[in-house]
Amino acid sequence: MAYPGEEVIIDGEGVDRNYGFGLFGNVSYMRIEGIKIRNFGGYGLTLWGNNRHIEIVNVEVYNCETGLRMTDPYIPGGVVENIIINGCRFHHNSMGVDCSPGPGINVMIVNTNSSYNGREASETWADGFAFESRQNIYVEKCVASFNCGDGFDFKSDTTVLNRCLCHDNARDGI
């Protein structure tokens, strides 16, 4: 986390690296707080899979291919479980928050904004929040706006959206 009063920026501008900050398989009980990640050609922040008990708090990710990617198809059985995302901003990426192919279990997203994702109108897959599979996804007081795809795209079981705002997305709202 950032030292009180300081700002931490992980900037990929001019760096030959595709990802900003990644937690590879089997990382658990970690808190990432108060950092900015920007300008990466791949994922800004990623949980590659088999990650449990992770908190992401007051993180901002922008100008990346995907703001937050949870699980990757190259990690077999790469579940993310007991994840808390609170007070974050994901904007001006090609994709906002993406949990695909999944699975994501017991994921809570609160007070988080995912907006202006998708750089071109043709990027209709550029959702604000997308979960492809699994269960117990809770989203509260979140905003999905001005994305080229859907605002909230959930194919998960037992998903709750509570007091969320969704507007001006190119495809479906929810």
N, C-alpha and C. Protein backbone atom coordinates (compact mmCIF):
# COMPACT_ATOMS: atom_id res chain seq x y z
N MET A 1 0.83 -1.18 0.00
CA MET A 1 0.00 0.00 0.00
C MET A 1 0.87 1.24 0.00
N ALA A 2 0.29 2.32 -0.37
CA ALA A 2 1.03 3.58 -0.38
C ALA A 2 1.27 4.06 1.05
N TYR A 3 2.43 4.63 1.27
CA TYR A 3 2.73 5.25 2.55
C TYR A 3 1.77 6.44 2.71
N PRO A 4 1.22 6.68 3.90
CA PRO A 4 0.27 7.79 4.08
C PRO A 4 0.80 9.11 3.51
N GLY A 5 -0.02 9.72 2.67
CA GLY A 5 0.34 10.99 2.05
C GLY A 5 1.15 10.85 0.77
N GLU A 6 1.53 9.65 0.43
CA GLU A 6 2.32 9.41 -0.79
C GLU A 6 1.44 8.79 -1.87
N GLU A 7 1.90 8.86 -3.12
CA GLU A 7 1.19 8.27 -4.23
C GLU A 7 2.09 7.23 -4.90
N VAL A 8 1.55 6.05 -5.12
CA VAL A 8 2.29 4.99 -5.81
C VAL A 8 1.67 4.80 -7.18
N ILE A 9 2.50 4.94 -8.22
CA ILE A 9 2.04 4.75 -9.60
C ILE A 9 2.93 3.71 -10.25
N ILE A 10 2.30 2.67 -10.79
CA ILE A 10 3.00 1.67 -11.59
C ILE A 10 2.66 2.00 -13.03
N ASP A 11 3.63 2.53 -13.77
CA ASP A 11 3.39 3.07 -15.11
C ASP A 11 4.14 2.24 -16.15
N GLY A 12 3.40 1.71 -17.12
CA GLY A 12 3.99 0.89 -18.17
C GLY A 12 4.41 1.67 -19.41
N GLU A 13 4.29 2.97 -19.38
CA GLU A 13 4.66 3.78 -20.55
C GLU A 13 6.12 3.56 -20.90
N GLY A 14 6.37 3.13 -22.13
CA GLY A 14 7.73 2.93 -22.61
C GLY A 14 8.43 1.70 -22.04
N VAL A 15 7.70 0.86 -21.32
CA VAL A 15 8.28 -0.33 -20.72
C VAL A 15 7.89 -1.54 -21.55
N ASP A 16 8.84 -2.42 -21.79
CA ASP A 16 8.56 -3.62 -22.56
C ASP A 16 8.01 -4.70 -21.63
N ARG A 17 6.85 -4.44 -21.08
CA ARG A 17 6.19 -5.38 -20.17
C ARG A 17 4.70 -5.30 -20.44
N ASN A 18 4.06 -6.44 -20.49
CA ASN A 18 2.66 -6.48 -20.87
C ASN A 18 1.69 -6.34 -19.70
N TYR A 19 2.13 -6.59 -18.48
CA TYR A 19 1.23 -6.59 -17.32
C TYR A 19 1.78 -5.69 -16.23
N GLY A 20 0.85 -5.03 -15.53
CA GLY A 20 1.26 -4.11 -14.47
C GLY A 20 1.57 -4.81 -13.16
N PHE A 21 0.55 -5.37 -12.51
CA PHE A 21 0.71 -5.98 -11.19
C PHE A 21 -0.07 -7.28 -11.21
N GLY A 22 0.61 -8.39 -11.00
CA GLY A 22 -0.06 -9.69 -11.08
C GLY A 22 0.21 -10.56 -9.88
N LEU A 23 -0.85 -11.24 -9.43
CA LEU A 23 -0.71 -12.27 -8.40
C LEU A 23 -0.85 -13.61 -9.10
N PHE A 24 0.25 -14.32 -9.20
CA PHE A 24 0.23 -15.61 -9.87
C PHE A 24 -0.47 -16.64 -9.00
N GLY A 25 -0.56 -17.86 -9.45
CA GLY A 25 -1.31 -18.90 -8.76
C GLY A 25 -0.89 -19.12 -7.33
N ASN A 26 -1.89 -19.46 -6.50
CA ASN A 26 -1.71 -19.84 -5.11
C ASN A 26 -1.24 -18.71 -4.20
N VAL A 27 -1.56 -17.47 -4.54
CA VAL A 27 -1.30 -16.34 -3.64
C VAL A 27 -2.58 -16.10 -2.84
N SER A 28 -2.44 -16.04 -1.52
CA SER A 28 -3.61 -15.85 -0.65
C SER A 28 -3.29 -14.86 0.46
N TYR A 29 -4.35 -14.33 1.06
CA TYR A 29 -4.26 -13.42 2.20
C TYR A 29 -3.36 -12.22 1.89
N MET A 30 -3.78 -11.46 0.88
CA MET A 30 -3.03 -10.27 0.49
C MET A 30 -3.99 -9.11 0.32
N ARG A 31 -3.52 -7.93 0.65
CA ARG A 31 -4.29 -6.69 0.48
C ARG A 31 -3.47 -5.74 -0.39
N ILE A 32 -4.09 -5.25 -1.45
CA ILE A 32 -3.47 -4.27 -2.34
C ILE A 32 -4.27 -2.99 -2.15
N GLU A 33 -3.60 -1.91 -1.76
CA GLU A 33 -4.34 -0.70 -1.41
C GLU A 33 -3.64 0.56 -1.86
N GLY A 34 -4.45 1.48 -2.41
CA GLY A 34 -4.01 2.85 -2.67
C GLY A 34 -2.95 3.01 -3.74
N ILE A 35 -3.00 2.23 -4.82
CA ILE A 35 -2.03 2.40 -5.89
C ILE A 35 -2.75 2.71 -7.20
N LYS A 36 -1.99 3.29 -8.13
CA LYS A 36 -2.49 3.54 -9.49
C LYS A 36 -1.65 2.71 -10.44
N ILE A 37 -2.33 2.11 -11.41
CA ILE A 37 -1.67 1.31 -12.43
C ILE A 37 -2.14 1.85 -13.78
N ARG A 38 -1.20 2.12 -14.69
CA ARG A 38 -1.60 2.70 -15.96
C ARG A 38 -0.64 2.31 -17.09
N ASN A 39 -1.18 2.39 -18.30
CA ASN A 39 -0.41 2.30 -19.53
C ASN A 39 0.26 0.94 -19.78
N PHE A 40 -0.47 -0.15 -19.56
CA PHE A 40 0.05 -1.47 -19.88
C PHE A 40 -0.75 -2.07 -21.04
N GLY A 41 -0.07 -2.72 -21.97
CA GLY A 41 -0.71 -3.31 -23.13
C GLY A 41 -1.53 -4.54 -22.81
N GLY A 42 -1.33 -5.14 -21.65
CA GLY A 42 -2.10 -6.30 -21.21
C GLY A 42 -2.94 -5.92 -20.00
N TYR A 43 -2.97 -6.79 -19.01
CA TYR A 43 -3.76 -6.55 -17.80
C TYR A 43 -3.06 -5.53 -16.90
N GLY A 44 -3.84 -4.59 -16.38
CA GLY A 44 -3.28 -3.66 -15.40
C GLY A 44 -3.03 -4.38 -14.09
N LEU A 45 -4.08 -5.02 -13.57
CA LEU A 45 -4.00 -5.80 -12.33
C LEU A 45 -4.63 -7.15 -12.60
N THR A 46 -3.95 -8.22 -12.23
CA THR A 46 -4.51 -9.54 -12.51
C THR A 46 -4.32 -10.51 -11.36
N LEU A 47 -5.37 -11.28 -11.12
CA LEU A 47 -5.31 -12.44 -10.24
C LEU A 47 -5.34 -13.63 -11.20
N TRP A 48 -4.22 -14.29 -11.40
CA TRP A 48 -4.11 -15.32 -12.43
C TRP A 48 -4.96 -16.54 -12.14
N GLY A 49 -5.27 -16.79 -10.89
CA GLY A 49 -6.09 -17.95 -10.54
C GLY A 49 -5.50 -18.67 -9.35
N ASN A 50 -6.35 -19.46 -8.70
CA ASN A 50 -5.99 -20.12 -7.44
C ASN A 50 -5.55 -19.09 -6.41
N ASN A 51 -6.24 -17.94 -6.41
CA ASN A 51 -6.01 -16.88 -5.43
C ASN A 51 -7.21 -16.83 -4.49
N ARG A 52 -6.92 -16.73 -3.20
CA ARG A 52 -7.99 -16.70 -2.20
C ARG A 52 -7.71 -15.64 -1.14
N HIS A 53 -8.79 -15.05 -0.64
CA HIS A 53 -8.71 -14.06 0.43
C HIS A 53 -7.82 -12.88 0.01
N ILE A 54 -8.23 -12.22 -1.06
CA ILE A 54 -7.51 -11.06 -1.59
C ILE A 54 -8.41 -9.84 -1.46
N GLU A 55 -7.85 -8.73 -0.97
CA GLU A 55 -8.56 -7.46 -0.91
C GLU A 55 -7.88 -6.46 -1.83
N ILE A 56 -8.69 -5.79 -2.64
CA ILE A 56 -8.20 -4.74 -3.52
C ILE A 56 -8.97 -3.48 -3.15
N VAL A 57 -8.26 -2.50 -2.58
CA VAL A 57 -8.92 -1.34 -1.98
C VAL A 57 -8.32 -0.05 -2.54
N ASN A 58 -9.20 0.86 -2.97
CA ASN A 58 -8.79 2.18 -3.46
C ASN A 58 -7.68 2.10 -4.50
N VAL A 59 -7.87 1.24 -5.47
CA VAL A 59 -6.93 1.08 -6.58
C VAL A 59 -7.55 1.69 -7.83
N GLU A 60 -6.74 2.38 -8.61
CA GLU A 60 -7.19 2.96 -9.87
C GLU A 60 -6.35 2.37 -11.00
N VAL A 61 -7.04 1.88 -12.04
CA VAL A 61 -6.35 1.30 -13.20
C VAL A 61 -6.91 1.93 -14.47
N TYR A 62 -6.02 2.45 -15.32
CA TYR A 62 -6.48 3.07 -16.56
C TYR A 62 -5.43 2.95 -17.66
N ASN A 63 -5.94 3.08 -18.90
CA ASN A 63 -5.12 2.97 -20.11
C ASN A 63 -4.40 1.62 -20.21
N CYS A 64 -5.11 0.55 -19.88
CA CYS A 64 -4.58 -0.81 -20.01
C CYS A 64 -5.53 -1.61 -20.90
N GLU A 65 -5.10 -2.79 -21.31
CA GLU A 65 -5.99 -3.64 -22.10
C GLU A 65 -7.18 -4.08 -21.25
N THR A 66 -6.94 -4.57 -20.03
CA THR A 66 -8.00 -4.89 -19.08
C THR A 66 -7.62 -4.29 -17.74
N GLY A 67 -8.56 -3.61 -17.10
CA GLY A 67 -8.27 -2.99 -15.81
C GLY A 67 -7.95 -4.04 -14.76
N LEU A 68 -8.91 -4.93 -14.49
CA LEU A 68 -8.72 -6.02 -13.53
C LEU A 68 -9.15 -7.31 -14.18
N ARG A 69 -8.25 -8.26 -14.26
CA ARG A 69 -8.56 -9.58 -14.82
C ARG A 69 -8.42 -10.61 -13.71
N MET A 70 -9.49 -11.35 -13.48
CA MET A 70 -9.47 -12.42 -12.47
C MET A 70 -9.61 -13.75 -13.19
N THR A 71 -8.64 -14.58 -13.08
CA THR A 71 -8.48 -15.90 -13.71
C THR A 71 -8.04 -15.75 -15.16
N ASP A 72 -7.34 -16.75 -15.61
CA ASP A 72 -6.82 -16.76 -16.96
C ASP A 72 -6.99 -18.16 -17.53
N PRO A 73 -7.34 -18.28 -18.79
CA PRO A 73 -7.58 -19.61 -19.35
C PRO A 73 -6.35 -20.52 -19.35
N TYR A 74 -5.17 -19.97 -19.15
CA TYR A 74 -3.95 -20.78 -19.18
C TYR A 74 -3.64 -21.42 -17.83
N ILE A 75 -4.40 -21.10 -16.78
CA ILE A 75 -4.19 -21.72 -15.47
C ILE A 75 -5.37 -22.66 -15.23
N PRO A 76 -5.16 -23.97 -15.38
CA PRO A 76 -6.26 -24.93 -15.22
C PRO A 76 -6.88 -24.84 -13.81
N GLY A 77 -8.21 -24.77 -13.78
CA GLY A 77 -8.91 -24.71 -12.50
C GLY A 77 -8.60 -23.47 -11.70
N GLY A 78 -8.24 -22.40 -12.39
CA GLY A 78 -7.76 -21.18 -11.73
C GLY A 78 -8.84 -20.37 -11.04
N VAL A 79 -9.41 -20.89 -9.99
CA VAL A 79 -10.47 -20.22 -9.25
C VAL A 79 -9.92 -18.99 -8.50
N VAL A 80 -10.74 -17.96 -8.37
CA VAL A 80 -10.49 -16.89 -7.41
C VAL A 80 -11.63 -16.97 -6.41
N GLU A 81 -11.30 -16.86 -5.12
CA GLU A 81 -12.30 -17.10 -4.09
C GLU A 81 -12.08 -16.16 -2.91
N ASN A 82 -13.22 -15.68 -2.36
CA ASN A 82 -13.19 -14.75 -1.23
C ASN A 82 -12.38 -13.50 -1.57
N ILE A 83 -12.86 -12.80 -2.59
CA ILE A 83 -12.21 -11.60 -3.10
C ILE A 83 -13.06 -10.39 -2.72
N ILE A 84 -12.44 -9.32 -2.23
CA ILE A 84 -13.13 -8.07 -1.92
C ILE A 84 -12.48 -6.97 -2.75
N ILE A 85 -13.33 -6.25 -3.49
CA ILE A 85 -12.89 -5.10 -4.28
C ILE A 85 -13.69 -3.91 -3.76
N ASN A 86 -13.01 -2.90 -3.23
CA ASN A 86 -13.71 -1.81 -2.56
C ASN A 86 -13.09 -0.47 -2.92
N GLY A 87 -13.92 0.47 -3.39
CA GLY A 87 -13.49 1.83 -3.64
C GLY A 87 -12.53 1.98 -4.80
N CYS A 88 -12.65 1.14 -5.81
CA CYS A 88 -11.71 1.15 -6.94
C CYS A 88 -12.30 1.87 -8.15
N ARG A 89 -11.40 2.25 -9.07
CA ARG A 89 -11.81 2.87 -10.33
C ARG A 89 -11.08 2.19 -11.48
N PHE A 90 -11.85 1.72 -12.45
CA PHE A 90 -11.31 1.10 -13.65
C PHE A 90 -11.87 1.89 -14.83
N HIS A 91 -11.03 2.63 -15.53
CA HIS A 91 -11.54 3.49 -16.60
C HIS A 91 -10.55 3.62 -17.75
N HIS A 92 -11.11 3.89 -18.92
CA HIS A 92 -10.35 4.09 -20.15
C HIS A 92 -9.41 2.92 -20.45
N ASN A 93 -9.88 1.71 -20.17
CA ASN A 93 -9.20 0.48 -20.56
C ASN A 93 -9.97 -0.11 -21.73
N SER A 94 -9.42 -1.16 -22.36
CA SER A 94 -10.22 -1.86 -23.37
C SER A 94 -11.33 -2.67 -22.72
N MET A 95 -11.12 -3.13 -21.48
CA MET A 95 -12.12 -3.88 -20.69
C MET A 95 -11.98 -3.44 -19.25
N GLY A 96 -13.10 -3.34 -18.53
CA GLY A 96 -13.06 -2.89 -17.13
C GLY A 96 -12.63 -3.99 -16.18
N VAL A 97 -13.61 -4.70 -15.61
CA VAL A 97 -13.37 -5.80 -14.67
C VAL A 97 -13.85 -7.08 -15.33
N ASP A 98 -12.97 -8.06 -15.44
CA ASP A 98 -13.28 -9.28 -16.20
C ASP A 98 -12.90 -10.51 -15.39
N CYS A 99 -13.88 -11.37 -15.13
CA CYS A 99 -13.61 -12.67 -14.49
C CYS A 99 -14.05 -13.74 -15.48
N SER A 100 -13.14 -14.03 -16.42
CA SER A 100 -13.45 -15.06 -17.40
C SER A 100 -12.17 -15.82 -17.74
N PRO A 101 -12.21 -17.06 -17.90
CA PRO A 101 -13.43 -17.85 -17.94
C PRO A 101 -13.99 -18.14 -16.56
N GLY A 102 -13.34 -17.70 -15.52
CA GLY A 102 -13.77 -17.99 -14.17
C GLY A 102 -13.12 -19.27 -13.70
N PRO A 103 -13.53 -19.81 -12.63
CA PRO A 103 -14.67 -19.35 -11.82
C PRO A 103 -14.26 -18.34 -10.74
N GLY A 104 -15.23 -17.57 -10.34
CA GLY A 104 -15.10 -16.66 -9.20
C GLY A 104 -16.13 -17.04 -8.16
N ILE A 105 -15.69 -17.26 -6.95
CA ILE A 105 -16.58 -17.68 -5.87
C ILE A 105 -16.46 -16.70 -4.70
N ASN A 106 -17.60 -16.25 -4.18
CA ASN A 106 -17.62 -15.31 -3.06
C ASN A 106 -16.80 -14.06 -3.36
N VAL A 107 -17.23 -13.34 -4.39
CA VAL A 107 -16.58 -12.10 -4.79
C VAL A 107 -17.50 -10.95 -4.41
N MET A 108 -16.98 -9.97 -3.68
CA MET A 108 -17.76 -8.80 -3.28
C MET A 108 -17.10 -7.56 -3.88
N ILE A 109 -17.90 -6.79 -4.63
CA ILE A 109 -17.43 -5.55 -5.23
C ILE A 109 -18.30 -4.42 -4.68
N VAL A 110 -17.67 -3.45 -4.03
CA VAL A 110 -18.41 -2.38 -3.36
C VAL A 110 -17.80 -1.03 -3.74
N ASN A 111 -18.65 -0.02 -3.92
CA ASN A 111 -18.21 1.36 -4.16
C ASN A 111 -17.16 1.46 -5.26
N THR A 112 -17.37 0.75 -6.34
CA THR A 112 -16.39 0.71 -7.41
C THR A 112 -17.00 1.21 -8.71
N ASN A 113 -16.19 1.92 -9.49
CA ASN A 113 -16.64 2.52 -10.74
C ASN A 113 -15.85 1.90 -11.89
N SER A 114 -16.57 1.45 -12.92
CA SER A 114 -15.95 0.94 -14.14
C SER A 114 -16.60 1.64 -15.32
N SER A 115 -15.89 2.62 -15.88
CA SER A 115 -16.48 3.49 -16.89
C SER A 115 -15.50 3.83 -18.01
N TYR A 116 -16.08 4.19 -19.16
CA TYR A 116 -15.32 4.61 -20.34
C TYR A 116 -14.35 3.53 -20.82
N ASN A 117 -14.74 2.27 -20.67
CA ASN A 117 -13.92 1.17 -21.15
C ASN A 117 -14.33 0.82 -22.57
N GLY A 118 -13.35 0.47 -23.39
CA GLY A 118 -13.56 0.25 -24.82
C GLY A 118 -13.10 1.49 -25.55
N ARG A 119 -12.12 1.33 -26.38
CA ARG A 119 -11.53 2.50 -27.03
C ARG A 119 -12.24 2.87 -28.33
N GLU A 120 -12.94 1.89 -28.92
CA GLU A 120 -13.65 2.13 -30.17
C GLU A 120 -15.06 1.57 -30.05
N ALA A 121 -16.00 2.17 -30.75
CA ALA A 121 -17.39 1.71 -30.69
C ALA A 121 -17.53 0.25 -31.10
N SER A 122 -16.60 -0.26 -31.90
CA SER A 122 -16.68 -1.65 -32.35
C SER A 122 -16.30 -2.64 -31.24
N GLU A 123 -15.73 -2.18 -30.15
CA GLU A 123 -15.34 -3.06 -29.04
C GLU A 123 -16.54 -3.36 -28.14
N THR A 124 -17.54 -4.04 -28.71
CA THR A 124 -18.78 -4.29 -27.97
C THR A 124 -18.60 -5.30 -26.84
N TRP A 125 -17.45 -5.94 -26.74
CA TRP A 125 -17.14 -6.85 -25.63
C TRP A 125 -16.59 -6.09 -24.43
N ALA A 126 -16.37 -4.79 -24.56
CA ALA A 126 -15.73 -3.98 -23.52
C ALA A 126 -16.74 -3.62 -22.42
N ASP A 127 -17.00 -4.59 -21.54
CA ASP A 127 -17.96 -4.40 -20.45
C ASP A 127 -17.33 -3.64 -19.28
N GLY A 128 -18.22 -3.08 -18.46
CA GLY A 128 -17.76 -2.49 -17.21
C GLY A 128 -17.37 -3.58 -16.22
N PHE A 129 -18.31 -4.51 -15.96
CA PHE A 129 -18.09 -5.65 -15.06
C PHE A 129 -18.57 -6.91 -15.76
N ALA A 130 -17.73 -7.95 -15.86
CA ALA A 130 -18.12 -9.19 -16.54
C ALA A 130 -17.68 -10.40 -15.72
N PHE A 131 -18.63 -11.29 -15.44
CA PHE A 131 -18.35 -12.55 -14.76
C PHE A 131 -18.95 -13.66 -15.60
N GLU A 132 -18.12 -14.58 -16.03
CA GLU A 132 -18.57 -15.64 -16.92
C GLU A 132 -19.11 -16.86 -16.18
N SER A 133 -18.65 -17.11 -14.98
CA SER A 133 -19.12 -18.33 -14.30
C SER A 133 -18.92 -18.24 -12.80
N ARG A 134 -19.60 -19.12 -12.13
CA ARG A 134 -19.54 -19.46 -10.72
C ARG A 134 -20.62 -18.78 -9.91
N GLN A 135 -20.32 -18.49 -8.65
CA GLN A 135 -21.42 -18.18 -7.74
C GLN A 135 -21.03 -17.22 -6.64
N ASN A 136 -22.09 -16.72 -6.01
CA ASN A 136 -21.98 -15.82 -4.87
C ASN A 136 -21.18 -14.56 -5.21
N ILE A 137 -21.70 -13.82 -6.17
CA ILE A 137 -21.11 -12.55 -6.57
C ILE A 137 -22.03 -11.45 -6.02
N TYR A 138 -21.48 -10.55 -5.23
CA TYR A 138 -22.26 -9.49 -4.61
C TYR A 138 -21.67 -8.15 -5.05
N VAL A 139 -22.52 -7.30 -5.63
CA VAL A 139 -22.09 -6.00 -6.14
C VAL A 139 -22.97 -4.93 -5.52
N GLU A 140 -22.37 -3.97 -4.84
CA GLU A 140 -23.15 -2.93 -4.15
C GLU A 140 -22.54 -1.55 -4.39
N LYS A 141 -23.43 -0.59 -4.67
CA LYS A 141 -23.05 0.82 -4.85
C LYS A 141 -21.95 0.98 -5.89
N CYS A 142 -22.10 0.27 -7.00
CA CYS A 142 -21.12 0.36 -8.09
C CYS A 142 -21.73 1.09 -9.28
N VAL A 143 -20.87 1.66 -10.11
CA VAL A 143 -21.30 2.39 -11.29
C VAL A 143 -20.64 1.78 -12.52
N ALA A 144 -21.44 1.53 -13.55
CA ALA A 144 -20.95 1.09 -14.86
C ALA A 144 -21.54 2.05 -15.89
N SER A 145 -20.69 2.86 -16.50
CA SER A 145 -21.21 3.87 -17.43
C SER A 145 -20.24 4.12 -18.58
N PHE A 146 -20.82 4.47 -19.73
CA PHE A 146 -20.08 4.85 -20.92
C PHE A 146 -19.09 3.77 -21.39
N ASN A 147 -19.43 2.50 -21.19
CA ASN A 147 -18.62 1.40 -21.70
C ASN A 147 -19.11 1.02 -23.09
N CYS A 148 -18.22 0.52 -23.94
CA CYS A 148 -18.59 0.13 -25.31
C CYS A 148 -19.38 -1.18 -25.33
N GLY A 149 -19.33 -1.95 -24.27
CA GLY A 149 -20.10 -3.19 -24.16
C GLY A 149 -21.23 -3.02 -23.16
N ASP A 150 -21.46 -4.06 -22.36
CA ASP A 150 -22.49 -4.02 -21.32
C ASP A 150 -21.97 -3.31 -20.08
N GLY A 151 -22.89 -2.80 -19.29
CA GLY A 151 -22.50 -2.23 -18.00
C GLY A 151 -22.14 -3.35 -17.03
N PHE A 152 -23.12 -4.23 -16.75
CA PHE A 152 -22.93 -5.39 -15.87
C PHE A 152 -23.30 -6.63 -16.68
N ASP A 153 -22.35 -7.51 -16.93
CA ASP A 153 -22.58 -8.73 -17.70
C ASP A 153 -22.25 -9.92 -16.82
N PHE A 154 -23.28 -10.55 -16.25
CA PHE A 154 -23.08 -11.65 -15.30
C PHE A 154 -23.74 -12.92 -15.83
N LYS A 155 -22.95 -13.96 -15.93
CA LYS A 155 -23.45 -15.30 -16.27
C LYS A 155 -23.23 -16.23 -15.08
N SER A 156 -23.12 -15.66 -13.90
CA SER A 156 -22.83 -16.40 -12.68
C SER A 156 -24.12 -16.70 -11.92
N ASP A 157 -24.07 -17.72 -11.08
CA ASP A 157 -25.21 -18.07 -10.23
C ASP A 157 -25.16 -17.25 -8.95
N THR A 158 -26.31 -17.07 -8.34
CA THR A 158 -26.43 -16.38 -7.05
C THR A 158 -25.68 -15.05 -7.09
N THR A 159 -26.12 -14.19 -7.98
CA THR A 159 -25.50 -12.87 -8.15
C THR A 159 -26.49 -11.81 -7.68
N VAL A 160 -25.99 -10.88 -6.86
CA VAL A 160 -26.84 -9.81 -6.33
C VAL A 160 -26.22 -8.47 -6.70
N LEU A 161 -27.03 -7.61 -7.30
CA LEU A 161 -26.65 -6.22 -7.53
C LEU A 161 -27.55 -5.38 -6.64
N ASN A 162 -26.95 -4.55 -5.80
CA ASN A 162 -27.69 -3.77 -4.82
C ASN A 162 -27.27 -2.30 -4.93
N ARG A 163 -28.23 -1.44 -5.22
CA ARG A 163 -28.02 0.00 -5.30
C ARG A 163 -26.89 0.38 -6.26
N CYS A 164 -26.91 -0.22 -7.44
CA CYS A 164 -25.91 0.07 -8.47
C CYS A 164 -26.50 1.03 -9.50
N LEU A 165 -25.65 1.75 -10.18
CA LEU A 165 -26.05 2.70 -11.21
C LEU A 165 -25.42 2.26 -12.53
N CYS A 166 -26.24 2.21 -13.55
CA CYS A 166 -25.79 1.76 -14.87
C CYS A 166 -26.41 2.67 -15.91
N HIS A 167 -25.57 3.35 -16.71
CA HIS A 167 -26.12 4.24 -17.74
C HIS A 167 -25.13 4.46 -18.88
N ASP A 168 -25.68 4.78 -20.04
CA ASP A 168 -24.93 5.19 -21.23
C ASP A 168 -23.89 4.17 -21.68
N ASN A 169 -24.20 2.88 -21.52
CA ASN A 169 -23.35 1.83 -22.08
C ASN A 169 -23.87 1.52 -23.48
N ALA A 170 -22.98 1.11 -24.39
CA ALA A 170 -23.36 0.91 -25.79
C ALA A 170 -24.27 -0.31 -25.98
N ARG A 171 -24.13 -1.33 -25.13
CA ARG A 171 -24.95 -2.52 -25.27
C ARG A 171 -25.96 -2.57 -24.10
N ASP A 172 -26.08 -3.71 -23.47
CA ASP A 172 -27.06 -3.85 -22.39
C ASP A 172 -26.57 -3.17 -21.12
N GLY A 173 -27.52 -2.71 -20.33
CA GLY A 173 -27.17 -2.15 -19.02
C GLY A 173 -26.78 -3.27 -18.09
N ILE A 174 -27.73 -4.19 -17.85
CA ILE A 174 -27.47 -5.34 -16.97
C ILE A 174 -27.87 -6.59 -17.70
